[in-house]
Amino acid sequence: MTPAADSTTAQHVSAAGRNLPPLWFLAPEGFFALPLAATPEERSERALHFVRELYSRGDESIWEPAAPYYAAIAELMGDTGVSYAAMGLFSTVEEPDAPAGHVLRHEPAEGVAQCALTVAIAPTDQAGADTDVVAQGILATLSGDPYNDAIWLDLPCGPAVSCVTVREYSLSPELSATGEETKLRTGQIQVHVPFPTGPYTAIFTLYTASMDHWAEIYRLMSAVLQTVSFVDPAEDVADGSPEDDYEGA
């Protein structure tokens, strides 16, 4: 899969005004961050940027009515505790070898895989040194559901727990593209990462109905998790490694 529209690898940090400890991670190219913000003015400004990026081939006739819609969605998500939300759009067209540094773009009608990524920060009862204990408790809880595939993860930022669930839904004829009753399979990857800097746990959730491309989408989540940091990545420059363009949740 390749990005279906122009976007860049971007850095993210905890939503302003919520008095949460910071969290950084990188969102790969192909993800378009919804305009979450603390004030209506910020949401409106970010919504305009979002629709111009998402519908890069559009014009004001598309951008102007779309921006308030996405600003409203962002407000609702912010009220639920979500600190970051993004749409992932990726072309499913098989590509020939392209020249180095050149990315081929395709029309959405040729095939697009979609996914949604959110990050929420939930309070948990823990001391900074208890991240292993918190992760063990999360693993025990999630493993109690036979429909969950829960495993322990050792990430660069510390312990975490991944839980994969796959669901199948029946779609009535009026909701299906063929006009016949059909089945819809969806997959969700949810990863709980306890903060070592405060009594909170970050919850990364990647959801998709593009199950034909599950392996590639799973790798996208794995790539995001490898970049999670609870300290400012700029501080890592002292060890001689280049500073990446990180994002905060």
C-alpha atoms as a PDB file:
ATOM      1  CA  MET A   1       0.000   0.000   0.000  1.00  0.00           C
ATOM      2  CA  THR A   2       1.050   3.585  -0.658  1.00  0.00           C
ATOM      3  CA  PRO A   3      -0.512   6.874   0.526  1.00  0.00           C
ATOM      4  CA  ALA A   4      -3.593   7.626  -1.573  1.00  0.00           C
ATOM      5  CA  ALA A   5      -3.148  11.386  -1.215  1.00  0.00           C
ATOM      6  CA  ASP A   6      -0.387  13.818  -0.378  1.00  0.00           C
ATOM      7  CA  SER A   7       0.506  13.883   3.313  1.00  0.00           C
ATOM      8  CA  THR A   8       3.689  13.831   5.347  1.00  0.00           C
ATOM      9  CA  THR A   9       5.083  11.952   8.305  1.00  0.00           C
ATOM     10  CA  ALA A  10       4.082  14.130  11.240  1.00  0.00           C
ATOM     11  CA  GLN A  11       4.688  14.537  14.962  1.00  0.00           C
ATOM     12  CA  HIS A  12       1.963  14.607  17.646  1.00  0.00           C
ATOM     13  CA  VAL A  13       1.698  15.583  21.500  1.00  0.00           C
ATOM     14  CA  SER A  14      -1.007  15.568  24.223  1.00  0.00           C
ATOM     15  CA  ALA A  15      -3.980  17.859  23.643  1.00  0.00           C
ATOM     16  CA  ALA A  16      -3.547  21.303  25.182  1.00  0.00           C
ATOM     17  CA  GLY A  17      -5.485  22.405  28.224  1.00  0.00           C
ATOM     18  CA  ARG A  18      -6.103  18.955  29.735  1.00  0.00           C
ATOM     19  CA  ASN A  19      -3.181  18.957  32.212  1.00  0.00           C
ATOM     20  CA  LEU A  20      -1.908  15.614  30.926  1.00  0.00           C
ATOM     21  CA  PRO A  21       1.737  14.535  30.831  1.00  0.00           C
ATOM     22  CA  PRO A  22       3.111  14.741  27.280  1.00  0.00           C
ATOM     23  CA  LEU A  23       3.279  11.858  24.832  1.00  0.00           C
ATOM     24  CA  TRP A  24       4.976  11.927  21.415  1.00  0.00           C
ATOM     25  CA  PHE A  25       4.704   9.633  18.396  1.00  0.00           C
ATOM     26  CA  LEU A  26       5.082   9.698  14.618  1.00  0.00           C
ATOM     27  CA  ALA A  27       2.102   9.199  12.316  1.00  0.00           C
ATOM     28  CA  PRO A  28       3.254   7.758   8.965  1.00  0.00           C
ATOM     29  CA  GLU A  29       2.518   9.357   5.628  1.00  0.00           C
ATOM     30  CA  GLY A  30      -1.031   8.601   4.560  1.00  0.00           C
ATOM     31  CA  PHE A  31      -2.660   9.625   7.863  1.00  0.00           C
ATOM     32  CA  PHE A  32      -4.718  12.821   7.977  1.00  0.00           C
ATOM     33  CA  ALA A  33      -5.176  14.165  11.518  1.00  0.00           C
ATOM     34  CA  LEU A  34      -8.638  15.429  12.419  1.00  0.00           C
ATOM     35  CA  PRO A  35      -8.728  19.003  13.792  1.00  0.00           C
ATOM     36  CA  LEU A  36      -8.785  18.267  17.540  1.00  0.00           C
ATOM     37  CA  ALA A  37      -8.145  21.459  19.513  1.00  0.00           C
ATOM     38  CA  ALA A  38      -9.004  23.119  22.814  1.00  0.00           C
ATOM     39  CA  THR A  39     -11.061  26.007  21.378  1.00  0.00           C
ATOM     40  CA  PRO A  40     -13.627  26.431  18.566  1.00  0.00           C
ATOM     41  CA  GLU A  41     -11.349  28.952  16.851  1.00  0.00           C
ATOM     42  CA  GLU A  42      -8.456  26.487  16.737  1.00  0.00           C
ATOM     43  CA  ARG A  43     -10.726  23.697  15.502  1.00  0.00           C
ATOM     44  CA  SER A  44     -12.076  25.882  12.700  1.00  0.00           C
ATOM     45  CA  GLU A  45      -8.578  26.852  11.591  1.00  0.00           C
ATOM     46  CA  ARG A  46      -7.323  23.269  11.702  1.00  0.00           C
ATOM     47  CA  ALA A  47     -10.459  22.002   9.936  1.00  0.00           C
ATOM     48  CA  LEU A  48      -9.756  24.267   6.958  1.00  0.00           C
ATOM     49  CA  HIS A  49      -6.201  22.922   6.753  1.00  0.00           C
ATOM     50  CA  PHE A  50      -7.476  19.338   7.135  1.00  0.00           C
ATOM     51  CA  VAL A  51      -9.984  19.483   4.265  1.00  0.00           C
ATOM     52  CA  ARG A  52      -7.504  21.208   1.939  1.00  0.00           C
ATOM     53  CA  GLU A  53      -5.018  18.400   2.593  1.00  0.00           C
ATOM     54  CA  LEU A  54      -7.538  15.547   2.450  1.00  0.00           C
ATOM     55  CA  TYR A  55      -9.302  16.843  -0.679  1.00  0.00           C
ATOM     56  CA  SER A  56      -6.169  18.227  -2.275  1.00  0.00           C
ATOM     57  CA  ARG A  57      -7.713  18.165  -5.768  1.00  0.00           C
ATOM     58  CA  GLY A  58     -10.814  20.060  -4.633  1.00  0.00           C
ATOM     59  CA  ASP A  59     -11.622  23.746  -4.372  1.00  0.00           C
ATOM     60  CA  GLU A  60     -13.540  26.138  -2.126  1.00  0.00           C
ATOM     61  CA  SER A  61     -16.858  24.622  -3.195  1.00  0.00           C
ATOM     62  CA  ILE A  62     -15.788  21.395  -1.443  1.00  0.00           C
ATOM     63  CA  TRP A  63     -13.599  22.788   1.346  1.00  0.00           C
ATOM     64  CA  GLU A  64     -16.003  25.387   2.773  1.00  0.00           C
ATOM     65  CA  PRO A  65     -18.964  23.060   3.523  1.00  0.00           C
ATOM     66  CA  ALA A  66     -16.690  20.177   4.595  1.00  0.00           C
ATOM     67  CA  ALA A  67     -14.641  22.108   7.178  1.00  0.00           C
ATOM     68  CA  PRO A  68     -17.496  22.720   9.712  1.00  0.00           C
ATOM     69  CA  TYR A  69     -18.486  19.044   9.468  1.00  0.00           C
ATOM     70  CA  TYR A  70     -15.021  17.841  10.462  1.00  0.00           C
ATOM     71  CA  ALA A  71     -14.720  20.550  13.135  1.00  0.00           C
ATOM     72  CA  ALA A  72     -17.940  19.216  14.705  1.00  0.00           C
ATOM     73  CA  ILE A  73     -16.632  15.637  14.606  1.00  0.00           C
ATOM     74  CA  ALA A  74     -13.405  16.801  16.251  1.00  0.00           C
ATOM     75  CA  GLU A  75     -15.365  18.519  19.038  1.00  0.00           C
ATOM     76  CA  LEU A  76     -17.336  15.339  19.749  1.00  0.00           C
ATOM     77  CA  MET A  77     -14.171  13.240  19.811  1.00  0.00           C
ATOM     78  CA  GLY A  78     -12.413  15.669  22.121  1.00  0.00           C
ATOM     79  CA  ASP A  79     -15.322  15.406  24.571  1.00  0.00           C
ATOM     80  CA  THR A  80     -14.780  11.624  24.780  1.00  0.00           C
ATOM     81  CA  GLY A  81     -11.147  11.977  25.863  1.00  0.00           C
ATOM     82  CA  VAL A  82      -9.559  11.321  22.466  1.00  0.00           C
ATOM     83  CA  SER A  83      -6.327  13.303  22.111  1.00  0.00           C
ATOM     84  CA  TYR A  84      -5.558  12.374  18.507  1.00  0.00           C
ATOM     85  CA  ALA A  85      -7.639  11.012  15.639  1.00  0.00           C
ATOM     86  CA  ALA A  86      -6.712  10.461  12.012  1.00  0.00           C
ATOM     87  CA  MET A  87      -7.967   8.880   8.807  1.00  0.00           C
ATOM     88  CA  GLY A  88      -5.560   6.658   6.908  1.00  0.00           C
ATOM     89  CA  LEU A  89      -6.007   6.412   3.140  1.00  0.00           C
ATOM     90  CA  PHE A  90      -3.793   4.096   1.094  1.00  0.00           C
ATOM     91  CA  SER A  91      -3.803   3.076  -2.540  1.00  0.00           C
ATOM     92  CA  THR A  92      -4.130  -0.662  -3.163  1.00  0.00           C
ATOM     93  CA  VAL A  93      -2.857  -0.480  -6.743  1.00  0.00           C
ATOM     94  CA  GLU A  94       0.107  -2.731  -7.485  1.00  0.00           C
ATOM     95  CA  GLU A  95       2.952  -0.379  -8.360  1.00  0.00           C
ATOM     96  CA  PRO A  96       5.817  -0.900 -10.783  1.00  0.00           C
ATOM     97  CA  ASP A  97       9.278   0.051  -9.561  1.00  0.00           C
ATOM     98  CA  ALA A  98       9.435   3.842  -9.291  1.00  0.00           C
ATOM     99  CA  PRO A  99      12.580   5.983  -9.465  1.00  0.00           C
ATOM    100  CA  ALA A 100      14.299   6.536  -6.122  1.00  0.00           C
ATOM    101  CA  GLY A 101      12.585   9.265  -4.116  1.00  0.00           C
ATOM    102  CA  HIS A 102       9.517   9.282  -6.369  1.00  0.00           C
ATOM    103  CA  VAL A 103       6.095   8.151  -5.113  1.00  0.00           C
ATOM    104  CA  LEU A 104       3.426   7.235  -7.650  1.00  0.00           C
ATOM    105  CA  ARG A 105      -0.109   8.534  -6.969  1.00  0.00           C
ATOM    106  CA  HIS A 106      -3.311   6.870  -8.135  1.00  0.00           C
ATOM    107  CA  GLU A 107      -6.964   7.801  -8.451  1.00  0.00           C
ATOM    108  CA  PRO A 108      -9.106   6.693  -5.455  1.00  0.00           C
ATOM    109  CA  ALA A 109     -11.407   4.849  -7.874  1.00  0.00           C
ATOM    110  CA  GLU A 110      -8.528   2.454  -8.601  1.00  0.00           C
ATOM    111  CA  GLY A 111      -8.735   1.084  -5.057  1.00  0.00           C
ATOM    112  CA  VAL A 112      -8.238   2.514  -1.568  1.00  0.00           C
ATOM    113  CA  ALA A 113      -7.726   0.847   1.812  1.00  0.00           C
ATOM    114  CA  GLN A 114      -8.979   2.864   4.780  1.00  0.00           C
ATOM    115  CA  CYS A 115      -8.310   2.817   8.495  1.00  0.00           C
ATOM    116  CA  ALA A 116      -8.845   5.073  11.498  1.00  0.00           C
ATOM    117  CA  LEU A 117      -6.290   5.757  14.230  1.00  0.00           C
ATOM    118  CA  THR A 118      -7.139   7.303  17.589  1.00  0.00           C
ATOM    119  CA  VAL A 119      -5.160   7.937  20.754  1.00  0.00           C
ATOM    120  CA  ALA A 120      -6.886   8.415  24.101  1.00  0.00           C
ATOM    121  CA  ILE A 121      -5.294   9.035  27.484  1.00  0.00           C
ATOM    122  CA  ALA A 122      -7.069   7.450  30.452  1.00  0.00           C
ATOM    123  CA  PRO A 123      -6.289   7.900  34.168  1.00  0.00           C
ATOM    124  CA  THR A 124      -4.989   4.757  35.900  1.00  0.00           C
ATOM    125  CA  ASP A 125      -4.035   4.098  39.500  1.00  0.00           C
ATOM    126  CA  GLN A 126      -0.262   3.731  39.373  1.00  0.00           C
ATOM    127  CA  ALA A 127       3.071   5.136  40.454  1.00  0.00           C
ATOM    128  CA  GLY A 128       5.648   5.982  37.801  1.00  0.00           C
ATOM    129  CA  ALA A 129       7.641   2.822  38.503  1.00  0.00           C
ATOM    130  CA  ASP A 130       4.584   0.551  38.277  1.00  0.00           C
ATOM    131  CA  THR A 131       4.197   0.393  34.490  1.00  0.00           C
ATOM    132  CA  ASP A 132       4.908  -3.362  34.476  1.00  0.00           C
ATOM    133  CA  VAL A 133       2.229  -3.943  37.129  1.00  0.00           C
ATOM    134  CA  VAL A 134      -0.329  -1.856  35.221  1.00  0.00           C
ATOM    135  CA  ALA A 135       0.450  -3.674  31.965  1.00  0.00           C
ATOM    136  CA  GLN A 136       0.098  -7.048  33.692  1.00  0.00           C
ATOM    137  CA  GLY A 137      -3.304  -6.015  35.043  1.00  0.00           C
ATOM    138  CA  ILE A 138      -4.459  -4.861  31.602  1.00  0.00           C
ATOM    139  CA  LEU A 139      -3.260  -8.122  30.047  1.00  0.00           C
ATOM    140  CA  ALA A 140      -5.110 -10.200  32.634  1.00  0.00           C
ATOM    141  CA  THR A 141      -8.321  -8.228  32.101  1.00  0.00           C
ATOM    142  CA  LEU A 142      -8.252  -8.373  28.299  1.00  0.00           C
ATOM    143  CA  SER A 143      -7.273 -12.054  28.253  1.00  0.00           C
ATOM    144  CA  GLY A 144     -10.473 -12.873  30.133  1.00  0.00           C
ATOM    145  CA  ASP A 145     -12.500 -12.323  26.939  1.00  0.00           C
ATOM    146  CA  PRO A 146     -12.167 -15.360  24.631  1.00  0.00           C
ATOM    147  CA  TYR A 147     -12.706 -13.126  21.582  1.00  0.00           C
ATOM    148  CA  ASN A 148      -9.615 -11.040  22.387  1.00  0.00           C
ATOM    149  CA  ASP A 149      -6.125 -11.881  21.158  1.00  0.00           C
ATOM    150  CA  ALA A 150      -4.151 -10.085  23.878  1.00  0.00           C
ATOM    151  CA  ILE A 151      -0.345 -10.169  24.075  1.00  0.00           C
ATOM    152  CA  TRP A 152       2.440  -8.433  26.000  1.00  0.00           C
ATOM    153  CA  LEU A 153       4.654  -5.978  24.094  1.00  0.00           C
ATOM    154  CA  ASP A 154       8.084  -4.626  24.994  1.00  0.00           C
ATOM    155  CA  LEU A 155       8.237  -1.270  23.215  1.00  0.00           C
ATOM    156  CA  PRO A 156      11.213   1.116  23.183  1.00  0.00           C
ATOM    157  CA  CYS A 157       9.194   3.372  25.540  1.00  0.00           C
ATOM    158  CA  GLY A 158       8.301   0.560  27.973  1.00  0.00           C
ATOM    159  CA  PRO A 159       5.784  -2.271  28.493  1.00  0.00           C
ATOM    160  CA  ALA A 160       2.472  -2.353  26.654  1.00  0.00           C
ATOM    161  CA  VAL A 161      -0.416  -4.697  25.894  1.00  0.00           C
ATOM    162  CA  SER A 162      -1.829  -5.301  22.415  1.00  0.00           C
ATOM    163  CA  CYS A 163      -5.340  -6.639  21.854  1.00  0.00           C
ATOM    164  CA  VAL A 164      -6.622  -7.681  18.414  1.00  0.00           C
ATOM    165  CA  THR A 165     -10.300  -8.293  17.763  1.00  0.00           C
ATOM    166  CA  VAL A 166     -12.036  -9.271  14.525  1.00  0.00           C
ATOM    167  CA  ARG A 167     -15.789  -8.903  14.124  1.00  0.00           C
ATOM    168  CA  GLU A 168     -18.241  -9.881  11.389  1.00  0.00           C
ATOM    169  CA  TYR A 169     -21.488  -8.013  10.768  1.00  0.00           C
ATOM    170  CA  SER A 170     -24.456  -8.788   8.533  1.00  0.00           C
ATOM    171  CA  LEU A 171     -25.410  -5.951   6.186  1.00  0.00           C
ATOM    172  CA  SER A 172     -28.997  -5.751   4.937  1.00  0.00           C
ATOM    173  CA  PRO A 173     -29.524  -5.514   1.151  1.00  0.00           C
ATOM    174  CA  GLU A 174     -30.242  -1.766   1.237  1.00  0.00           C
ATOM    175  CA  LEU A 175     -26.842  -1.123   2.861  1.00  0.00           C
ATOM    176  CA  SER A 176     -24.732  -3.289   0.566  1.00  0.00           C
ATOM    177  CA  ALA A 177     -23.212  -2.296  -2.780  1.00  0.00           C
ATOM    178  CA  THR A 178     -24.660  -5.384  -4.505  1.00  0.00           C
ATOM    179  CA  GLY A 179     -28.209  -4.972  -3.224  1.00  0.00           C
ATOM    180  CA  GLU A 180     -27.963  -8.360  -1.498  1.00  0.00           C
ATOM    181  CA  GLU A 181     -27.385  -9.300   2.117  1.00  0.00           C
ATOM    182  CA  THR A 182     -23.668  -9.564   2.731  1.00  0.00           C
ATOM    183  CA  LYS A 183     -21.070  -9.881   5.484  1.00  0.00           C
ATOM    184  CA  LEU A 184     -18.697  -7.144   6.649  1.00  0.00           C
ATOM    185  CA  ARG A 185     -15.544  -8.093   8.543  1.00  0.00           C
ATOM    186  CA  THR A 186     -13.671  -5.505  10.574  1.00  0.00           C
ATOM    187  CA  GLY A 187     -10.461  -5.626  12.545  1.00  0.00           C
ATOM    188  CA  GLN A 188      -9.246  -3.587  15.497  1.00  0.00           C
ATOM    189  CA  ILE A 189      -5.802  -3.320  17.056  1.00  0.00           C
ATOM    190  CA  GLN A 190      -5.811  -1.643  20.467  1.00  0.00           C
ATOM    191  CA  VAL A 191      -2.585  -1.083  22.387  1.00  0.00           C
ATOM    192  CA  HIS A 192      -2.442   0.099  26.015  1.00  0.00           C
ATOM    193  CA  VAL A 193       0.791   1.880  26.961  1.00  0.00           C
ATOM    194  CA  PRO A 194       1.167   2.912  30.642  1.00  0.00           C
ATOM    195  CA  PHE A 195       2.824   6.278  31.254  1.00  0.00           C
ATOM    196  CA  PRO A 196       6.048   6.185  33.301  1.00  0.00           C
ATOM    197  CA  THR A 197       5.547   9.927  33.959  1.00  0.00           C
ATOM    198  CA  GLY A 198       2.149   9.915  35.656  1.00  0.00           C
ATOM    199  CA  PRO A 199      -0.975   7.899  36.542  1.00  0.00           C
ATOM    200  CA  TYR A 200      -2.233   7.526  32.983  1.00  0.00           C
ATOM    201  CA  THR A 201      -2.349   4.969  30.178  1.00  0.00           C
ATOM    202  CA  ALA A 202      -2.303   5.824  26.465  1.00  0.00           C
ATOM    203  CA  ILE A 203      -4.695   3.782  24.338  1.00  0.00           C
ATOM    204  CA  PHE A 204      -3.817   3.522  20.635  1.00  0.00           C
ATOM    205  CA  THR A 205      -6.665   2.122  18.512  1.00  0.00           C
ATOM    206  CA  LEU A 206      -6.429   1.274  14.811  1.00  0.00           C
ATOM    207  CA  TYR A 207      -9.670   0.176  13.164  1.00  0.00           C
ATOM    208  CA  THR A 208     -10.312  -0.979   9.598  1.00  0.00           C
ATOM    209  CA  ALA A 209     -12.831  -2.706   7.359  1.00  0.00           C
ATOM    210  CA  SER A 210     -10.152  -3.193   4.661  1.00  0.00           C
ATOM    211  CA  MET A 211      -9.390  -6.722   5.827  1.00  0.00           C
ATOM    212  CA  ASP A 212      -7.821  -7.762   2.519  1.00  0.00           C
ATOM    213  CA  HIS A 213      -4.918  -5.528   3.551  1.00  0.00           C
ATOM    214  CA  TRP A 214      -4.820  -6.459   7.233  1.00  0.00           C
ATOM    215  CA  ALA A 215      -1.114  -7.405   7.229  1.00  0.00           C
ATOM    216  CA  GLU A 216      -0.039  -4.029   5.830  1.00  0.00           C
ATOM    217  CA  ILE A 217      -2.334  -2.125   8.211  1.00  0.00           C
ATOM    218  CA  TYR A 218      -1.001  -4.135  11.160  1.00  0.00           C
ATOM    219  CA  ARG A 219       2.533  -3.118  10.137  1.00  0.00           C
ATOM    220  CA  LEU A 220       1.446   0.544  10.116  1.00  0.00           C
ATOM    221  CA  MET A 221       0.389   0.243  13.763  1.00  0.00           C
ATOM    222  CA  SER A 222       3.658  -1.490  14.628  1.00  0.00           C
ATOM    223  CA  ALA A 223       5.590   1.367  13.019  1.00  0.00           C
ATOM    224  CA  VAL A 224       3.668   3.977  15.047  1.00  0.00           C
ATOM    225  CA  LEU A 225       4.296   2.134  18.324  1.00  0.00           C
ATOM    226  CA  GLN A 226       8.047   2.013  17.745  1.00  0.00           C
ATOM    227  CA  THR A 227       8.113   5.834  17.829  1.00  0.00           C
ATOM    228  CA  VAL A 228       6.126   6.394  21.068  1.00  0.00           C
ATOM    229  CA  SER A 229       8.075   8.488  23.568  1.00  0.00           C
ATOM    230  CA  PHE A 230       7.311   9.986  26.984  1.00  0.00           C
ATOM    231  CA  VAL A 231      10.214  12.433  26.756  1.00  0.00           C
ATOM    232  CA  ASP A 232      10.730  15.197  24.222  1.00  0.00           C
ATOM    233  CA  PRO A 233      12.420  13.573  21.182  1.00  0.00           C
ATOM    234  CA  ALA A 234      14.474  16.762  20.819  1.00  0.00           C
ATOM    235  CA  GLU A 235      16.330  15.729  23.962  1.00  0.00           C
ATOM    236  CA  ASP A 236      17.505  12.589  22.169  1.00  0.00           C
ATOM    237  CA  VAL A 237      19.680  14.719  19.912  1.00  0.00           C
ATOM    238  CA  ALA A 238      22.263  14.674  22.691  1.00  0.00           C
ATOM    239  CA  ASP A 239      22.982  11.008  21.965  1.00  0.00           C
ATOM    240  CA  GLY A 240      24.049  11.854  18.424  1.00  0.00           C
ATOM    241  CA  SER A 241      20.929  10.589  16.635  1.00  0.00           C
ATOM    242  CA  PRO A 242      19.126  12.983  14.255  1.00  0.00           C
ATOM    243  CA  GLU A 243      15.982  14.679  15.518  1.00  0.00           C
ATOM    244  CA  ASP A 244      12.863  13.232  13.913  1.00  0.00           C
ATOM    245  CA  ASP A 245       9.699  15.128  13.062  1.00  0.00           C
ATOM    246  CA  TYR A 246       7.522  13.764  15.874  1.00  0.00           C
ATOM    247  CA  GLU A 247       3.837  14.319  16.687  1.00  0.00           C
ATOM    248  CA  GLY A 248       2.150  14.550  20.086  1.00  0.00           C
ATOM    249  CA  ALA A 249      -1.076  12.834  21.119  1.00  0.00           C
END
